[in-house]
């Protein structure tokens, strides 16, 4: 399993859900329309003149979240033929990109980075569950990853560029199978457990 289509196929099977096209091919015309629209809106935002003000010691994850919201709001105000909508709930994706002519919704994930490094193996996490996708989108689902590149000086952040990746079923991905527990699951578990101090 090394591509997005295979990942979603395996994921749906593990979740015991009905199979559906959770990773669809992008129509070439739609790629061109979205690219043209987002590039134009990005230019109209004039990010080079309007920096985002942040705390000086903001963490990278907090910076990413702030930039994603800032970018989505500013670009969303200037989009034509499309709109960016919130995608409620935890997990993938952050947003929905909706084509107004037919209300077709695309999964839109926003990430932030200082620069694009083709040799970097730093993980960019996309998704780990299909529930949010199935709740907010109608298959076949197309996926768009937007990476915003920024420069920070003291408490000012300038968005300088963006990269659009139209993910296809054959897009290579790394898959890490994970398991998690909660205190509830541990409390209900049929396994041995011990406390150092007896609880009253």
Protein backbone atom coordinates (compact mmCIF):
# COMPACT_ATOMS: atom_id res chain seq x y z
CA UNK A 1 0.00 0.00 0.00
CA UNK A 2 1.85 3.05 -1.20
CA UNK A 3 -0.67 5.36 -2.81
CA UNK A 4 -3.67 7.38 -1.67
CA UNK A 5 -6.26 5.24 -3.46
CA UNK A 6 -4.97 2.00 -1.93
CA UNK A 7 -4.78 3.65 1.49
CA UNK A 8 -8.44 4.68 1.44
CA UNK A 9 -9.48 1.27 0.11
CA UNK A 10 -7.72 -0.47 3.00
CA UNK A 11 -8.97 2.09 5.50
CA UNK A 12 -12.63 1.65 4.53
CA UNK A 13 -12.21 -2.12 4.71
CA UNK A 14 -10.68 -1.90 8.22
CA UNK A 15 -13.47 0.42 9.34
CA UNK A 16 -16.10 -1.99 8.05
CA UNK A 17 -17.66 0.63 5.80
CA UNK A 18 -19.12 0.32 2.31
CA UNK A 19 -16.52 0.81 -0.40
CA UNK A 20 -16.62 4.11 -2.26
CA UNK A 21 -14.25 6.25 -4.27
CA UNK A 22 -12.68 8.31 -1.49
CA UNK A 23 -9.77 9.32 -3.74
CA UNK A 24 -10.81 10.22 -7.28
CA UNK A 25 -8.95 11.43 -10.37
CA UNK A 26 -9.03 15.16 -10.98
CA UNK A 27 -10.58 16.37 -14.25
CA UNK A 28 -7.88 18.36 -16.09
CA UNK A 29 -10.27 21.27 -16.75
CA UNK A 30 -11.10 21.54 -13.06
CA UNK A 31 -7.41 21.66 -12.14
CA UNK A 32 -6.95 24.57 -14.52
CA UNK A 33 -10.05 26.40 -13.22
CA UNK A 34 -9.08 26.03 -9.56
CA UNK A 35 -5.44 26.96 -10.19
CA UNK A 36 -6.41 30.09 -12.10
CA UNK A 37 -8.98 31.08 -9.47
CA UNK A 38 -6.70 30.57 -6.44
CA UNK A 39 -3.74 32.29 -8.08
CA UNK A 40 -5.88 35.31 -8.94
CA UNK A 41 -7.34 35.52 -5.43
CA UNK A 42 -3.86 35.15 -3.93
CA UNK A 43 -2.63 38.09 -6.00
CA UNK A 44 -5.59 40.26 -5.00
CA UNK A 45 -4.86 39.60 -1.31
CA UNK A 46 -1.54 41.48 -1.50
CA UNK A 47 -0.11 39.45 1.37
CA UNK A 48 3.26 41.17 0.93
CA UNK A 49 1.66 44.42 2.13
CA UNK A 50 -0.54 42.94 4.85
CA UNK A 51 1.38 40.79 7.32
CA UNK A 52 -0.26 38.65 9.97
CA UNK A 53 0.55 39.79 13.51
CA UNK A 54 1.43 36.97 15.92
CA UNK A 55 3.07 36.48 19.30
CA UNK A 56 6.86 36.52 19.03
CA UNK A 57 7.30 33.10 20.64
CA UNK A 58 4.44 31.35 18.84
CA UNK A 59 4.97 27.61 18.35
CA UNK A 60 5.15 26.06 14.88
CA UNK A 61 1.84 24.15 15.25
CA UNK A 62 0.06 27.31 16.47
CA UNK A 63 1.64 29.27 13.63
CA UNK A 64 0.39 26.71 11.12
CA UNK A 65 -3.16 26.93 12.46
CA UNK A 66 -3.14 30.75 12.52
CA UNK A 67 -1.76 30.98 8.99
CA UNK A 68 -4.25 28.45 7.65
CA UNK A 69 -7.19 30.42 9.08
CA UNK A 70 -5.75 33.76 7.96
CA UNK A 71 -5.10 32.46 4.45
CA UNK A 72 -8.52 30.81 4.11
CA UNK A 73 -10.36 33.95 5.28
CA UNK A 74 -8.42 36.39 3.09
CA UNK A 75 -8.39 34.27 -0.05
CA UNK A 76 -12.00 33.19 0.53
CA UNK A 77 -13.12 36.84 0.43
CA UNK A 78 -11.53 37.28 -3.00
CA UNK A 79 -12.40 33.98 -4.69
CA UNK A 80 -14.59 33.95 -7.75
CA UNK A 81 -16.65 30.91 -8.78
CA UNK A 82 -15.57 29.01 -5.66
CA UNK A 83 -15.89 29.42 -1.92
CA UNK A 84 -13.98 28.02 1.03
CA UNK A 85 -16.11 26.50 3.78
CA UNK A 86 -15.24 25.19 7.22
CA UNK A 87 -15.27 21.44 7.62
CA UNK A 88 -16.42 20.85 11.18
CA UNK A 89 -14.93 18.18 13.39
CA UNK A 90 -11.43 16.94 14.14
CA UNK A 91 -9.24 15.43 11.49
CA UNK A 92 -8.83 15.64 7.75
CA UNK A 93 -9.65 17.82 5.87
CA UNK A 94 -9.52 21.39 7.24
CA UNK A 95 -11.88 22.89 4.69
CA UNK A 96 -14.14 22.33 1.72
CA UNK A 97 -13.55 24.08 -1.59
CA UNK A 98 -16.97 24.38 -3.22
CA UNK A 99 -17.60 25.18 -6.87
CA UNK A 100 -20.60 27.50 -6.82
CA UNK A 101 -21.98 26.54 -10.25
CA UNK A 102 -22.81 22.97 -9.20
CA UNK A 103 -22.06 22.87 -5.43
CA UNK A 104 -19.38 20.23 -6.01
CA UNK A 105 -17.19 20.06 -2.88
CA UNK A 106 -13.50 19.17 -2.83
CA UNK A 107 -11.47 18.17 0.22
CA UNK A 108 -9.11 21.08 0.98
CA UNK A 109 -6.20 20.68 3.40
CA UNK A 110 -4.06 23.71 4.34
CA UNK A 111 -0.47 23.46 5.55
CA UNK A 112 2.20 26.09 6.27
CA UNK A 113 5.96 25.91 5.77
CA UNK A 114 9.02 28.17 5.58
CA UNK A 115 10.18 26.68 2.29
CA UNK A 116 9.71 23.78 -0.10
CA UNK A 117 12.48 21.20 0.21
CA UNK A 118 12.18 18.43 -2.42
CA UNK A 119 14.58 16.15 -0.50
CA UNK A 120 12.88 16.57 2.87
CA UNK A 121 11.23 13.49 4.40
CA UNK A 122 9.47 15.51 7.11
CA UNK A 123 5.98 14.02 7.41
CA UNK A 124 2.97 16.05 6.30
CA UNK A 125 0.08 14.21 7.89
CA UNK A 126 -3.05 14.03 5.78
CA UNK A 127 -5.57 11.69 7.33
CA UNK A 128 -6.11 8.74 9.61
CA UNK A 129 -9.87 8.14 9.44
CA UNK A 130 -12.51 8.25 6.72
CA UNK A 131 -15.42 9.33 8.93
CA UNK A 132 -15.06 13.08 8.36
CA UNK A 133 -14.64 12.61 4.62
CA UNK A 134 -17.74 10.44 4.39
CA UNK A 135 -19.71 12.91 6.51
CA UNK A 136 -18.90 16.03 4.47
CA UNK A 137 -18.33 14.82 0.90
CA UNK A 138 -20.07 12.78 -1.76
CA UNK A 139 -17.84 10.22 -3.54
CA UNK A 140 -15.98 10.32 -5.84
CA UNK A 141 -13.87 12.71 -3.71
CA UNK A 142 -11.07 14.91 -5.03
CA UNK A 143 -8.31 16.12 -2.70
CA UNK A 144 -6.39 19.40 -2.83
CA UNK A 145 -3.38 20.12 -0.60
CA UNK A 146 -2.48 23.82 -0.37
CA UNK A 147 0.86 24.66 1.21
CA UNK A 148 1.38 28.28 2.24
CA UNK A 149 4.98 29.49 2.42
CA UNK A 150 5.79 32.30 4.81
CA UNK A 151 8.50 34.53 6.24
CA UNK A 152 8.48 35.67 9.87
CA UNK A 153 10.26 38.64 11.42
CA UNK A 154 9.59 39.30 15.11
CA UNK A 155 5.80 39.39 15.40
CA UNK A 156 5.03 39.83 11.68
CA UNK A 157 4.40 37.05 9.20
CA UNK A 158 4.27 37.51 5.45
CA UNK A 159 2.73 34.88 3.17
CA UNK A 160 5.03 34.80 0.17
CA UNK A 161 3.88 31.90 -1.98
CA UNK A 162 1.62 28.89 -2.22
CA UNK A 163 1.81 25.46 -3.80
CA UNK A 164 -1.24 23.52 -5.00
CA UNK A 165 -1.01 19.73 -5.04
CA UNK A 166 -3.97 18.05 -6.71
CA UNK A 167 -3.74 14.62 -5.10
CA UNK A 168 -4.62 11.64 -7.26
CA UNK A 169 -5.37 8.00 -6.37
CA UNK A 170 -1.80 7.15 -7.44
CA UNK A 171 -0.21 9.92 -5.33
CA UNK A 172 2.49 8.24 -3.24
CA UNK A 173 1.90 8.25 0.52
CA UNK A 174 3.57 6.72 3.56
CA UNK A 175 1.21 4.76 5.76
CA UNK A 176 1.75 4.31 9.48
CA UNK A 177 -0.70 1.98 11.18
CA UNK A 178 -1.41 3.34 14.65
CA UNK A 179 -3.37 2.13 17.66
CA UNK A 180 -4.46 4.27 20.61
CA UNK A 181 -6.07 3.81 24.00
CA UNK A 182 -7.95 6.09 26.36
CA UNK A 183 -8.37 5.98 30.12
CA UNK A 184 -11.91 4.77 29.48
CA UNK A 185 -10.67 1.85 27.38
CA UNK A 186 -8.00 1.04 29.95
CA UNK A 187 -10.56 1.13 32.76
CA UNK A 188 -12.90 -1.19 30.84
CA UNK A 189 -10.08 -3.47 29.63
CA UNK A 190 -9.83 -7.19 30.47
CA UNK A 191 -6.10 -7.02 31.19
CA UNK A 192 -4.01 -6.88 34.36
CA UNK A 193 -3.41 -3.43 35.78
CA UNK A 194 -1.88 -2.21 39.05
CA UNK A 195 -1.63 1.07 40.99
CA UNK A 196 1.43 2.01 42.98
CA UNK A 197 -0.77 3.60 45.64
CA UNK A 198 -4.19 2.17 46.41
CA UNK A 199 -6.96 4.48 45.28
CA UNK A 200 -9.62 5.34 47.85
